[in-house]
C-alpha atoms as a PDB file:
ATOM      1  CA  MET A   1      -9.156  16.880  16.298  1.00  0.00           C
ATOM      2  CA  GLU A   2     -10.851  13.471  16.300  1.00  0.00           C
ATOM      3  CA  LEU A   3      -8.478  10.536  16.031  1.00  0.00           C
ATOM      4  CA  PRO A   4      -8.396   8.639  12.701  1.00  0.00           C
ATOM      5  CA  LYS A   5     -10.737   5.799  11.839  1.00  0.00           C
ATOM      6  CA  TYR A   6      -8.231   4.250   9.413  1.00  0.00           C
ATOM      7  CA  VAL A   7      -4.665   3.331  10.380  1.00  0.00           C
ATOM      8  CA  GLN A   8      -1.851   1.675   8.461  1.00  0.00           C
ATOM      9  CA  PHE A   9       0.678   0.091  10.794  1.00  0.00           C
ATOM     10  CA  GLU A  10       3.968  -1.575   9.843  1.00  0.00           C
ATOM     11  CA  PRO A  11       4.543  -4.958  11.503  1.00  0.00           C
ATOM     12  CA  VAL A  12       7.948  -4.932   9.809  1.00  0.00           C
ATOM     13  CA  GLY A  13      10.084  -2.248   8.229  1.00  0.00           C
ATOM     14  CA  GLN A  14      11.888  -4.508   5.765  1.00  0.00           C
ATOM     15  CA  CYS A  15      10.886  -6.866   2.968  1.00  0.00           C
ATOM     16  CA  ASN A  16      12.088 -10.097   1.410  1.00  0.00           C
ATOM     17  CA  LEU A  17      11.755  -8.544  -2.080  1.00  0.00           C
ATOM     18  CA  ARG A  18      13.319  -5.434  -3.622  1.00  0.00           C
ATOM     19  CA  CYS A  19      10.553  -4.230  -5.903  1.00  0.00           C
ATOM     20  CA  GLN A  20      11.692  -1.635  -8.405  1.00  0.00           C
ATOM     21  CA  MET A  21       8.914   0.829  -7.564  1.00  0.00           C
ATOM     22  CA  CYS A  22       9.131   0.567  -3.756  1.00  0.00           C
ATOM     23  CA  ALA A  23      10.989   3.122  -1.644  1.00  0.00           C
ATOM     24  CA  LEU A  24      11.391   0.620   1.179  1.00  0.00           C
ATOM     25  CA  GLN A  25      14.527  -0.791  -0.457  1.00  0.00           C
ATOM     26  CA  PHE A  26      16.243   2.549   0.173  1.00  0.00           C
ATOM     27  CA  ARG A  27      15.192   2.892   3.799  1.00  0.00           C
ATOM     28  CA  THR A  28      18.457   2.949   5.724  1.00  0.00           C
ATOM     29  CA  TYR A  29      17.861   5.578   8.365  1.00  0.00           C
ATOM     30  CA  ASP A  30      18.589   3.440  11.436  1.00  0.00           C
ATOM     31  CA  LEU A  31      18.341  -0.226  10.522  1.00  0.00           C
ATOM     32  CA  GLY A  32      21.925  -1.364  10.375  1.00  0.00           C
ATOM     33  CA  SER A  33      21.926  -5.156  10.373  1.00  0.00           C
ATOM     34  CA  ARG A  34      19.060  -5.688  12.817  1.00  0.00           C
ATOM     35  CA  ARG A  35      15.636  -6.980  11.856  1.00  0.00           C
ATOM     36  CA  ALA A  36      13.012  -4.274  11.692  1.00  0.00           C
ATOM     37  CA  LEU A  37      10.145  -5.820  13.657  1.00  0.00           C
ATOM     38  CA  ALA A  38       7.447  -3.874  15.484  1.00  0.00           C
ATOM     39  CA  SER A  39       7.163  -4.752  19.145  1.00  0.00           C
ATOM     40  CA  TRP A  40       3.953  -6.265  20.451  1.00  0.00           C
ATOM     41  CA  GLU A  41       3.770  -3.394  22.945  1.00  0.00           C
ATOM     42  CA  LEU A  42       3.871  -0.746  20.197  1.00  0.00           C
ATOM     43  CA  PHE A  43       1.217  -2.541  18.178  1.00  0.00           C
ATOM     44  CA  THR A  44      -1.218  -2.921  21.084  1.00  0.00           C
ATOM     45  CA  ARG A  45      -0.577   0.692  22.092  1.00  0.00           C
ATOM     46  CA  GLN A  46      -1.522   1.799  18.590  1.00  0.00           C
ATOM     47  CA  VAL A  47      -4.784  -0.132  18.676  1.00  0.00           C
ATOM     48  CA  ASP A  48      -5.657   0.809  22.246  1.00  0.00           C
ATOM     49  CA  GLU A  49      -4.753   4.510  21.839  1.00  0.00           C
ATOM     50  CA  THR A  50      -6.940   4.898  18.736  1.00  0.00           C
ATOM     51  CA  PRO A  51     -10.448   3.983  19.934  1.00  0.00           C
ATOM     52  CA  PRO A  52     -12.278   5.417  16.877  1.00  0.00           C
ATOM     53  CA  MET A  53     -10.323   3.028  14.622  1.00  0.00           C
ATOM     54  CA  GLY A  54     -12.653   0.969  12.457  1.00  0.00           C
ATOM     55  CA  HIS A  55     -10.171  -0.161   9.813  1.00  0.00           C
ATOM     56  CA  LEU A  56      -6.585  -1.331  10.361  1.00  0.00           C
ATOM     57  CA  GLN A  57      -4.189  -2.213   7.565  1.00  0.00           C
ATOM     58  CA  PRO A  58      -1.051  -3.769   9.071  1.00  0.00           C
ATOM     59  CA  PRO A  59       1.383  -4.249   6.254  1.00  0.00           C
ATOM     60  CA  GLY A  60       2.721  -0.808   5.544  1.00  0.00           C
ATOM     61  CA  LEU A  61       5.014  -1.264   2.573  1.00  0.00           C
ATOM     62  CA  ALA A  62       6.809  -4.402   3.746  1.00  0.00           C
ATOM     63  CA  GLU A  63       5.858  -8.089   3.781  1.00  0.00           C
ATOM     64  CA  PRO A  64       3.768  -8.588   6.951  1.00  0.00           C
ATOM     65  CA  MET A  65       4.202 -12.367   7.081  1.00  0.00           C
ATOM     66  CA  MET A  66       7.849 -11.795   7.995  1.00  0.00           C
ATOM     67  CA  HIS A  67       6.625 -10.897  11.504  1.00  0.00           C
ATOM     68  CA  PRO A  68       6.258 -13.988  13.708  1.00  0.00           C
ATOM     69  CA  ARG A  69       3.183 -12.508  15.419  1.00  0.00           C
ATOM     70  CA  PHE A  70       1.476 -11.018  12.391  1.00  0.00           C
ATOM     71  CA  PHE A  71      -1.642 -13.177  12.679  1.00  0.00           C
ATOM     72  CA  ASP A  72      -1.781 -12.450  16.424  1.00  0.00           C
ATOM     73  CA  MET A  73      -1.950  -8.776  15.440  1.00  0.00           C
ATOM     74  CA  VAL A  74      -4.796  -9.491  13.040  1.00  0.00           C
ATOM     75  CA  ARG A  75      -6.704 -11.410  15.710  1.00  0.00           C
ATOM     76  CA  TYR A  76      -6.075  -8.759  18.405  1.00  0.00           C
ATOM     77  CA  ALA A  77      -7.649  -6.064  16.234  1.00  0.00           C
ATOM     78  CA  ALA A  78     -10.427  -8.230  14.785  1.00  0.00           C
ATOM     79  CA  ASP A  79     -11.483  -9.320  18.277  1.00  0.00           C
ATOM     80  CA  ARG A  80     -12.075  -5.637  19.037  1.00  0.00           C
ATOM     81  CA  GLY A  81     -14.413  -5.194  16.099  1.00  0.00           C
ATOM     82  CA  ILE A  82     -11.828  -3.614  13.804  1.00  0.00           C
ATOM     83  CA  ARG A  83     -11.855  -4.499  10.119  1.00  0.00           C
ATOM     84  CA  VAL A  84      -8.375  -5.741   9.181  1.00  0.00           C
ATOM     85  CA  THR A  85      -6.944  -5.751   5.669  1.00  0.00           C
ATOM     86  CA  THR A  86      -3.396  -6.513   4.578  1.00  0.00           C
ATOM     87  CA  ASN A  87      -1.075  -6.496   1.591  1.00  0.00           C
ATOM     88  CA  THR A  88       1.262  -9.369   0.750  1.00  0.00           C
ATOM     89  CA  ASN A  89       3.567 -10.400  -2.054  1.00  0.00           C
ATOM     90  CA  LEU A  90       2.393 -14.011  -1.436  1.00  0.00           C
ATOM     91  CA  THR A  91       5.935 -15.389  -1.496  1.00  0.00           C
ATOM     92  CA  LEU A  92       5.839 -16.564   2.146  1.00  0.00           C
ATOM     93  CA  LEU A  93       2.394 -18.158   2.102  1.00  0.00           C
ATOM     94  CA  ASN A  94       2.247 -21.823   3.095  1.00  0.00           C
ATOM     95  CA  ASP A  95      -0.545 -24.161   4.198  1.00  0.00           C
ATOM     96  CA  ARG A  96      -0.428 -22.979   7.825  1.00  0.00           C
ATOM     97  CA  ARG A  97      -0.494 -19.298   6.882  1.00  0.00           C
ATOM     98  CA  ALA A  98      -3.257 -19.890   4.345  1.00  0.00           C
ATOM     99  CA  GLU A  99      -5.327 -21.424   7.145  1.00  0.00           C
ATOM    100  CA  LEU A 100      -4.566 -18.473   9.425  1.00  0.00           C
ATOM    101  CA  CYS A 101      -5.751 -16.107   6.688  1.00  0.00           C
ATOM    102  CA  LEU A 102      -9.125 -17.807   7.044  1.00  0.00           C
ATOM    103  CA  THR A 103      -9.296 -18.118  10.842  1.00  0.00           C
ATOM    104  CA  SER A 104      -7.583 -15.019  12.278  1.00  0.00           C
ATOM    105  CA  GLY A 105     -10.360 -12.558  11.416  1.00  0.00           C
ATOM    106  CA  LEU A 106      -8.658 -11.096   8.338  1.00  0.00           C
ATOM    107  CA  ASP A 107     -11.257  -9.284   6.214  1.00  0.00           C
ATOM    108  CA  THR A 108      -9.357  -8.542   2.975  1.00  0.00           C
ATOM    109  CA  LEU A 109      -6.024  -9.621   1.524  1.00  0.00           C
ATOM    110  CA  HIS A 110      -4.366  -7.628  -1.270  1.00  0.00           C
ATOM    111  CA  ALA A 111      -1.956  -9.765  -3.298  1.00  0.00           C
ATOM    112  CA  SER A 112       0.646  -7.804  -5.263  1.00  0.00           C
ATOM    113  CA  ILE A 113       1.045  -9.199  -8.790  1.00  0.00           C
ATOM    114  CA  ASP A 114       2.198  -6.839 -11.542  1.00  0.00           C
ATOM    115  CA  ALA A 115       2.685  -9.206 -14.494  1.00  0.00           C
ATOM    116  CA  LEU A 116       1.923 -12.716 -15.697  1.00  0.00           C
ATOM    117  CA  THR A 117       5.012 -13.011 -17.878  1.00  0.00           C
ATOM    118  CA  PRO A 118       7.444 -14.645 -15.411  1.00  0.00           C
ATOM    119  CA  GLY A 119      10.516 -12.750 -16.596  1.00  0.00           C
ATOM    120  CA  LEU A 120       8.778  -9.391 -16.352  1.00  0.00           C
ATOM    121  CA  TYR A 121       7.266 -10.197 -12.955  1.00  0.00           C
ATOM    122  CA  GLU A 122      10.712 -11.133 -11.620  1.00  0.00           C
ATOM    123  CA  GLU A 123      12.304  -8.047 -13.183  1.00  0.00           C
ATOM    124  CA  ILE A 124       9.830  -5.823 -11.322  1.00  0.00           C
ATOM    125  CA  ARG A 125       9.701  -7.807  -8.065  1.00  0.00           C
ATOM    126  CA  VAL A 126      13.391  -8.491  -7.581  1.00  0.00           C
ATOM    127  CA  HIS A 127      14.080 -11.793  -5.715  1.00  0.00           C
ATOM    128  CA  GLY A 128      10.496 -12.898  -6.354  1.00  0.00           C
ATOM    129  CA  SER A 129       9.423 -16.097  -8.109  1.00  0.00           C
ATOM    130  CA  PHE A 130       6.342 -15.919 -10.291  1.00  0.00           C
ATOM    131  CA  GLU A 131       5.854 -19.661 -10.125  1.00  0.00           C
ATOM    132  CA  ARG A 132       5.848 -19.597  -6.317  1.00  0.00           C
ATOM    133  CA  VAL A 133       3.361 -16.733  -6.266  1.00  0.00           C
ATOM    134  CA  ARG A 134       1.092 -18.501  -8.760  1.00  0.00           C
ATOM    135  CA  ARG A 135       1.120 -21.677  -6.639  1.00  0.00           C
ATOM    136  CA  ASN A 136       0.439 -19.716  -3.466  1.00  0.00           C
ATOM    137  CA  MET A 137      -2.491 -17.845  -4.994  1.00  0.00           C
ATOM    138  CA  GLU A 138      -3.996 -21.184  -6.020  1.00  0.00           C
ATOM    139  CA  ARG A 139      -3.280 -22.523  -2.517  1.00  0.00           C
ATOM    140  CA  LEU A 140      -5.085 -19.610  -0.873  1.00  0.00           C
ATOM    141  CA  MET A 141      -8.118 -19.723  -3.150  1.00  0.00           C
ATOM    142  CA  ALA A 142      -8.388 -23.505  -2.765  1.00  0.00           C
ATOM    143  CA  ALA A 143      -8.292 -23.143   1.021  1.00  0.00           C
ATOM    144  CA  ARG A 144     -11.043 -20.522   0.944  1.00  0.00           C
ATOM    145  CA  THR A 145     -13.219 -22.601  -1.379  1.00  0.00           C
ATOM    146  CA  GLY A 146     -12.552 -25.804   0.534  1.00  0.00           C
ATOM    147  CA  ASN A 147     -13.635 -24.218   3.805  1.00  0.00           C
ATOM    148  CA  GLY A 148     -16.775 -22.746   2.253  1.00  0.00           C
ATOM    149  CA  VAL A 149     -15.998 -19.181   3.359  1.00  0.00           C
ATOM    150  CA  THR A 150     -15.891 -15.827   1.602  1.00  0.00           C
ATOM    151  CA  ARG A 151     -13.351 -14.135   3.887  1.00  0.00           C
ATOM    152  CA  PRO A 152     -10.832 -12.886   3.473  1.00  0.00           C
ATOM    153  CA  ARG A 153     -11.833 -11.150   0.300  1.00  0.00           C
ATOM    154  CA  VAL A 154      -8.875 -11.481  -2.079  1.00  0.00           C
ATOM    155  CA  HIS A 155      -7.838  -8.606  -4.323  1.00  0.00           C
ATOM    156  CA  VAL A 156      -5.006  -8.700  -6.837  1.00  0.00           C
ATOM    157  CA  VAL A 157      -3.161  -5.361  -6.827  1.00  0.00           C
ATOM    158  CA  MET A 158      -1.230  -4.360  -9.939  1.00  0.00           C
ATOM    159  CA  VAL A 159       1.127  -1.384  -9.979  1.00  0.00           C
ATOM    160  CA  ILE A 160       0.871  -0.305 -13.587  1.00  0.00           C
ATOM    161  CA  MET A 161       3.637   1.440 -15.510  1.00  0.00           C
ATOM    162  CA  ARG A 162       5.087   1.613 -18.992  1.00  0.00           C
ATOM    163  CA  LYS A 163       6.841  -1.752 -18.895  1.00  0.00           C
ATOM    164  CA  ASN A 164       3.812  -3.818 -17.805  1.00  0.00           C
ATOM    165  CA  LEU A 165       0.925  -1.876 -19.357  1.00  0.00           C
ATOM    166  CA  GLU A 166       0.231  -4.577 -21.952  1.00  0.00           C
ATOM    167  CA  GLU A 167      -0.042  -7.202 -19.188  1.00  0.00           C
ATOM    168  CA  LEU A 168      -3.270  -5.690 -17.888  1.00  0.00           C
ATOM    169  CA  PRO A 169      -5.772  -7.567 -20.106  1.00  0.00           C
ATOM    170  CA  LEU A 170      -3.904 -10.826 -19.396  1.00  0.00           C
ATOM    171  CA  LEU A 171      -4.158 -10.176 -15.678  1.00  0.00           C
ATOM    172  CA  VAL A 172      -7.890  -9.461 -15.951  1.00  0.00           C
ATOM    173  CA  ARG A 173      -8.442 -12.912 -17.436  1.00  0.00           C
ATOM    174  CA  GLN A 174      -6.155 -14.629 -14.919  1.00  0.00           C
ATOM    175  CA  ALA A 175      -7.758 -12.882 -11.953  1.00  0.00           C
ATOM    176  CA  ARG A 176     -11.128 -14.187 -13.085  1.00  0.00           C
ATOM    177  CA  GLU A 177      -9.724 -17.715 -13.435  1.00  0.00           C
ATOM    178  CA  TRP A 178      -8.293 -17.559  -9.923  1.00  0.00           C
ATOM    179  CA  GLY A 179     -11.684 -16.451  -8.604  1.00  0.00           C
ATOM    180  CA  VAL A 180     -10.453 -13.356  -6.777  1.00  0.00           C
ATOM    181  CA  ASP A 181     -12.889 -10.646  -5.730  1.00  0.00           C
ATOM    182  CA  GLN A 182     -11.248  -7.647  -7.395  1.00  0.00           C
ATOM    183  CA  LEU A 183      -8.366  -6.547  -9.593  1.00  0.00           C
ATOM    184  CA  TYR A 184      -7.162  -3.195  -8.242  1.00  0.00           C
ATOM    185  CA  VAL A 185      -4.882  -1.270 -10.592  1.00  0.00           C
ATOM    186  CA  GLN A 186      -2.867   1.663  -9.293  1.00  0.00           C
ATOM    187  CA  GLN A 187      -0.282   3.985 -10.758  1.00  0.00           C
ATOM    188  CA  LEU A 188       3.166   4.617  -9.333  1.00  0.00           C
ATOM    189  CA  SER A 189       2.623   6.429  -6.087  1.00  0.00           C
ATOM    190  CA  HIS A 190       5.156   9.248  -6.122  1.00  0.00           C
ATOM    191  CA  GLU A 191       7.703  10.938  -8.382  1.00  0.00           C
ATOM    192  CA  PHE A 192      10.087  11.787  -5.502  1.00  0.00           C
ATOM    193  CA  GLY A 193      10.276  15.309  -6.815  1.00  0.00           C
ATOM    194  CA  GLU A 194      10.732  17.185  -3.550  1.00  0.00           C
ATOM    195  CA  ALA A 195      13.521  19.768  -3.578  1.00  0.00           C
ATOM    196  CA  VAL A 196      15.266  18.264  -0.553  1.00  0.00           C
ATOM    197  CA  LEU A 197      15.375  14.524  -1.207  1.00  0.00           C
ATOM    198  CA  PRO A 198      17.776  12.244   0.694  1.00  0.00           C
ATOM    199  CA  ASP A 199      20.468  11.102  -1.718  1.00  0.00           C
ATOM    200  CA  GLN A 200      19.645   7.403  -1.503  1.00  0.00           C
ATOM    201  CA  TYR A 201      16.250   7.980  -3.170  1.00  0.00           C
ATOM    202  CA  ALA A 202      17.702   9.420  -6.399  1.00  0.00           C
ATOM    203  CA  PRO A 203      17.534   6.009  -8.187  1.00  0.00           C
ATOM    204  CA  MET A 204      13.894   5.726  -7.117  1.00  0.00           C
ATOM    205  CA  ARG A 205      13.123   9.134  -8.616  1.00  0.00           C
ATOM    206  CA  ASP A 206      14.861   8.207 -11.880  1.00  0.00           C
ATOM    207  CA  PHE A 207      12.967   4.910 -12.124  1.00  0.00           C
ATOM    208  CA  VAL A 208       9.573   6.520 -11.574  1.00  0.00           C
ATOM    209  CA  ARG A 209      10.210   9.302 -14.068  1.00  0.00           C
ATOM    210  CA  GLY A 210      11.082   6.683 -16.677  1.00  0.00           C
ATOM    211  CA  GLU A 211       8.126   4.394 -15.983  1.00  0.00           C
ATOM    212  CA  THR A 212       5.178   6.574 -14.956  1.00  0.00           C
ATOM    213  CA  LEU A 213       2.165   6.486 -17.260  1.00  0.00           C
ATOM    214  CA  LEU A 214       1.889  10.243 -16.818  1.00  0.00           C
ATOM    215  CA  HIS A 215       4.740  10.458 -19.354  1.00  0.00           C
ATOM    216  CA  GLU A 216       3.187   7.888 -21.712  1.00  0.00           C
ATOM    217  CA  ASP A 217       0.980   8.551 -24.731  1.00  0.00           C
ATOM    218  CA  PRO A 218      -2.511   8.953 -23.201  1.00  0.00           C
ATOM    219  CA  GLY A 219      -4.059   7.291 -26.232  1.00  0.00           C
ATOM    220  CA  ARG A 220      -2.065   4.114 -25.643  1.00  0.00           C
ATOM    221  CA  VAL A 221      -2.988   4.050 -21.955  1.00  0.00           C
ATOM    222  CA  ILE A 222      -6.682   4.692 -22.591  1.00  0.00           C
ATOM    223  CA  GLY A 223      -6.731   2.011 -25.282  1.00  0.00           C
ATOM    224  CA  VAL A 224      -5.355  -0.665 -22.942  1.00  0.00           C
ATOM    225  CA  PHE A 225      -7.642   0.473 -20.114  1.00  0.00           C
ATOM    226  CA  GLU A 226     -10.708   0.266 -22.363  1.00  0.00           C
ATOM    227  CA  GLU A 227      -9.733  -3.221 -23.534  1.00  0.00           C
ATOM    228  CA  ALA A 228      -9.310  -4.327 -19.916  1.00  0.00           C
ATOM    229  CA  ARG A 229     -12.572  -2.699 -18.851  1.00  0.00           C
ATOM    230  CA  ALA A 230     -14.525  -4.431 -21.621  1.00  0.00           C
ATOM    231  CA  LEU A 231     -12.971  -7.801 -20.814  1.00  0.00           C
ATOM    232  CA  ALA A 232     -13.681  -7.395 -17.091  1.00  0.00           C
ATOM    233  CA  ALA A 233     -17.321  -6.592 -17.857  1.00  0.00           C
ATOM    234  CA  GLU A 234     -17.585  -9.672 -20.063  1.00  0.00           C
ATOM    235  CA  LEU A 235     -16.023 -11.883 -17.368  1.00  0.00           C
ATOM    236  CA  LYS A 236     -17.939 -10.180 -14.537  1.00  0.00           C
ATOM    237  CA  LEU A 237     -14.743  -9.222 -12.716  1.00  0.00           C
ATOM    238  CA  ASP A 238     -14.656  -6.195 -10.412  1.00  0.00           C
ATOM    239  CA  LEU A 239     -11.920  -4.013 -11.955  1.00  0.00           C
ATOM    240  CA  ARG A 240     -10.691  -0.755 -10.478  1.00  0.00           C
ATOM    241  CA  LEU A 241      -8.663   1.475 -12.821  1.00  0.00           C
ATOM    242  CA  PRO A 242      -6.928   4.770 -11.960  1.00  0.00           C
ATOM    243  CA  ARG A 243      -7.471   8.114 -13.631  1.00  0.00           C
ATOM    244  CA  VAL A 244      -5.224   8.774 -16.617  1.00  0.00           C
ATOM    245  CA  GLN A 245      -4.986  12.571 -16.384  1.00  0.00           C
ATOM    246  CA  PRO A 246      -4.167  14.502 -13.180  1.00  0.00           C
ATOM    247  CA  LYS A 247      -6.804  16.562 -11.407  1.00  0.00           C
ATOM    248  CA  ILE A 248      -6.379  20.313 -11.254  1.00  0.00           C
ATOM    249  CA  HIS A 249      -6.911  21.956  -7.862  1.00  0.00           C
ATOM    250  CA  PRO A 250      -8.241  25.509  -8.376  1.00  0.00           C
ATOM    251  CA  PRO A 251      -6.896  28.150  -5.984  1.00  0.00           C
ATOM    252  CA  GLY A 252      -8.657  27.978  -2.655  1.00  0.00           C
ATOM    253  CA  THR A 253      -9.474  24.263  -2.871  1.00  0.00           C
ATOM    254  CA  PRO A 254      -9.803  23.035   0.739  1.00  0.00           C
ATOM    255  CA  GLY A 255      -7.050  20.687   1.857  1.00  0.00           C
ATOM    256  CA  PRO A 256      -9.281  17.643   2.492  1.00  0.00           C
ATOM    257  CA  GLN A 257     -10.553  17.917  -1.099  1.00  0.00           C
ATOM    258  CA  ARG A 258      -6.967  17.825  -2.355  1.00  0.00           C
ATOM    259  CA  CYS A 259      -6.109  14.842  -0.128  1.00  0.00           C
ATOM    260  CA  ASP A 260      -7.950  13.888   3.066  1.00  0.00           C
ATOM    261  CA  TRP A 261      -5.282  11.505   4.416  1.00  0.00           C
ATOM    262  CA  PRO A 262      -3.853  13.791   7.131  1.00  0.00           C
ATOM    263  CA  TRP A 263      -7.358  14.441   8.481  1.00  0.00           C
ATOM    264  CA  THR A 264      -8.812  10.927   8.337  1.00  0.00           C
ATOM    265  CA  SER A 265      -5.988   8.374   8.312  1.00  0.00           C
ATOM    266  CA  ALA A 266      -2.629   7.612   9.864  1.00  0.00           C
ATOM    267  CA  TYR A 267       0.505   5.688   8.931  1.00  0.00           C
ATOM    268  CA  VAL A 268       2.761   4.419  11.725  1.00  0.00           C
ATOM    269  CA  THR A 269       6.144   2.787  11.071  1.00  0.00           C
ATOM    270  CA  TYR A 270       7.370  -0.351  12.812  1.00  0.00           C
ATOM    271  CA  ASP A 271       9.428   1.807  15.210  1.00  0.00           C
ATOM    272  CA  GLY A 272       6.658   4.267  16.010  1.00  0.00           C
ATOM    273  CA  TYR A 273       7.066   7.237  13.667  1.00  0.00           C
ATOM    274  CA  LEU A 274       3.837   8.904  12.555  1.00  0.00           C
ATOM    275  CA  LEU A 275       3.959   9.784   8.852  1.00  0.00           C
ATOM    276  CA  PRO A 276       1.527  12.087   7.016  1.00  0.00           C
ATOM    277  CA  CYS A 277       0.393   9.198   4.786  1.00  0.00           C
ATOM    278  CA  CYS A 278       1.390   5.868   3.281  1.00  0.00           C
ATOM    279  CA  ILE A 279       2.888   7.488   0.186  1.00  0.00           C
ATOM    280  CA  VAL A 280       5.648   9.247   2.146  1.00  0.00           C
ATOM    281  CA  ALA A 281       6.753   5.715   3.099  1.00  0.00           C
ATOM    282  CA  THR A 282       9.917   6.562   5.033  1.00  0.00           C
ATOM    283  CA  PRO A 283      10.421   8.853   8.057  1.00  0.00           C
ATOM    284  CA  ASP A 284      13.691  10.274   6.766  1.00  0.00           C
ATOM    285  CA  ARG A 285      11.637  12.164   4.149  1.00  0.00           C
ATOM    286  CA  VAL A 286       8.894  13.540   6.426  1.00  0.00           C
ATOM    287  CA  ASN A 287       7.631  12.490   9.838  1.00  0.00           C
ATOM    288  CA  LEU A 288       5.358  14.011  12.480  1.00  0.00           C
ATOM    289  CA  GLY A 289       7.122  12.645  15.564  1.00  0.00           C
ATOM    290  CA  SER A 290       7.652   9.361  17.375  1.00  0.00           C
ATOM    291  CA  MET A 291       5.519   7.299  19.741  1.00  0.00           C
ATOM    292  CA  ALA A 292       8.727   6.640  21.668  1.00  0.00           C
ATOM    293  CA  ASP A 293       8.328  10.168  23.050  1.00  0.00           C
ATOM    294  CA  HIS A 294       4.584  10.868  22.854  1.00  0.00           C
ATOM    295  CA  SER A 295       1.188   9.239  22.910  1.00  0.00           C
ATOM    296  CA  PHE A 296      -0.486   8.764  19.553  1.00  0.00           C
ATOM    297  CA  GLU A 297      -3.039  11.468  20.369  1.00  0.00           C
ATOM    298  CA  GLU A 298      -0.249  13.932  21.204  1.00  0.00           C
ATOM    299  CA  LEU A 299       1.333  13.288  17.803  1.00  0.00           C
ATOM    300  CA  TRP A 300      -1.968  13.392  15.909  1.00  0.00           C
ATOM    301  CA  ASN A 301      -2.859  16.774  17.382  1.00  0.00           C
ATOM    302  CA  GLY A 302       0.711  17.995  17.782  1.00  0.00           C
ATOM    303  CA  PHE A 303       2.531  20.915  16.216  1.00  0.00           C
ATOM    304  CA  HIS A 304       4.027  19.010  13.268  1.00  0.00           C
ATOM    305  CA  ALA A 305       0.734  17.375  12.284  1.00  0.00           C
ATOM    306  CA  ARG A 306      -1.193  20.645  12.571  1.00  0.00           C
ATOM    307  CA  THR A 307       1.425  22.482  10.508  1.00  0.00           C
ATOM    308  CA  PHE A 308       1.324  19.821   7.789  1.00  0.00           C
ATOM    309  CA  ARG A 309      -2.477  20.062   7.564  1.00  0.00           C
ATOM    310  CA  GLN A 310      -2.338  23.851   7.435  1.00  0.00           C
ATOM    311  CA  GLN A 311       0.108  23.716   4.520  1.00  0.00           C
ATOM    312  CA  LEU A 312      -1.993  21.163   2.655  1.00  0.00           C
ATOM    313  CA  ASP A 313      -5.008  23.402   3.209  1.00  0.00           C
ATOM    314  CA  SER A 314      -3.250  26.184   1.295  1.00  0.00           C
ATOM    315  CA  ASP A 315      -2.321  26.787  -2.335  1.00  0.00           C
ATOM    316  CA  GLU A 316       1.307  25.981  -1.435  1.00  0.00           C
ATOM    317  CA  PRO A 317       1.123  22.388  -0.139  1.00  0.00           C
ATOM    318  CA  PRO A 318       4.025  20.545   1.502  1.00  0.00           C
ATOM    319  CA  ASP A 319       6.809  19.787  -0.959  1.00  0.00           C
ATOM    320  CA  VAL A 320       6.351  16.036  -0.579  1.00  0.00           C
ATOM    321  CA  CYS A 321       2.715  16.334  -1.736  1.00  0.00           C
ATOM    322  CA  LYS A 322       3.449  18.115  -4.996  1.00  0.00           C
ATOM    323  CA  SER A 323       4.567  14.996  -6.860  1.00  0.00           C
ATOM    324  CA  CYS A 324       2.196  12.556  -5.152  1.00  0.00           C
ATOM    325  CA  SER A 325      -0.245  10.570  -7.274  1.00  0.00           C
ATOM    326  CA  ILE A 326      -2.974  10.712  -4.609  1.00  0.00           C
ATOM    327  CA  TYR A 327      -2.705  14.509  -4.442  1.00  0.00           C
ATOM    328  CA  HIS A 328      -3.064  14.647  -8.231  1.00  0.00           C
ATOM    329  CA  GLY A 329      -5.889  12.094  -8.285  1.00  0.00           C
ATOM    330  CA  VAL A 330      -4.157   9.477 -10.457  1.00  0.00           C
ATOM    331  CA  PHE A 331      -3.325   6.809  -7.889  1.00  0.00           C
END
């Protein structure tokens, strides 16, 4: 099968924050006390072994600016004609990194901001400082304006849940004031409902079940979404909102119509594990093999990847997919 055109690659496998909705905080499978940094060799192998790649997103779930060669990675891919986007919590941005965002070839930067009320932001993004993030967003936008450029495009990404639902209209207005290009709102990614779940993820499952909008009054959710949509239209802000109700997949629905990730995209961890998608997040839940033992093409077309696609192409998908928000169309 043709290699993927879109790849997410982890420069690092750890983060400086402990966000309540992120599974990365529970990733303990082989880290110990060492820093989880991707090697330059693994990164260049990934790029060079995936010639169809047209879009690279090198944050994974962690904070990419923790890697000392992150902007070298951006430049390496961009110099080969690959569109590069990244996610960041903005806590590590400084003047030098803001300048590198403009000069390294970065196409789009997604800044994770889930609330404007400082206490709520810091409750969700544990160890984060709202004031620092606010200053760094202003720093980045001032640098872009001052240099007269439009790249990288800057998107604010909000993970929406019960506790921060009412923050959405406030964030619409603030995003417009900052001058960002889009406010992208997504639901919690996964309910961690698989039958065989490693014990350390039980708190993650409990948190999601308590906070997901799928368990909220749909009328309340729709009301806030409509208010935000009207305000965004008035302010001429590009606003992306998720579906409120899950999609139903009739029997016989082809796998790529349920979720096309395993056919079109790849997620590779900092230590070389190929995962079925970004939502799985950690290789101790599901993985399709390691680049320590195989080439990327061997993994992509290998037994584990083919078996996963075959299951997803059936009416009995892999267990990890059954409680995934992408699979149910509400991400």
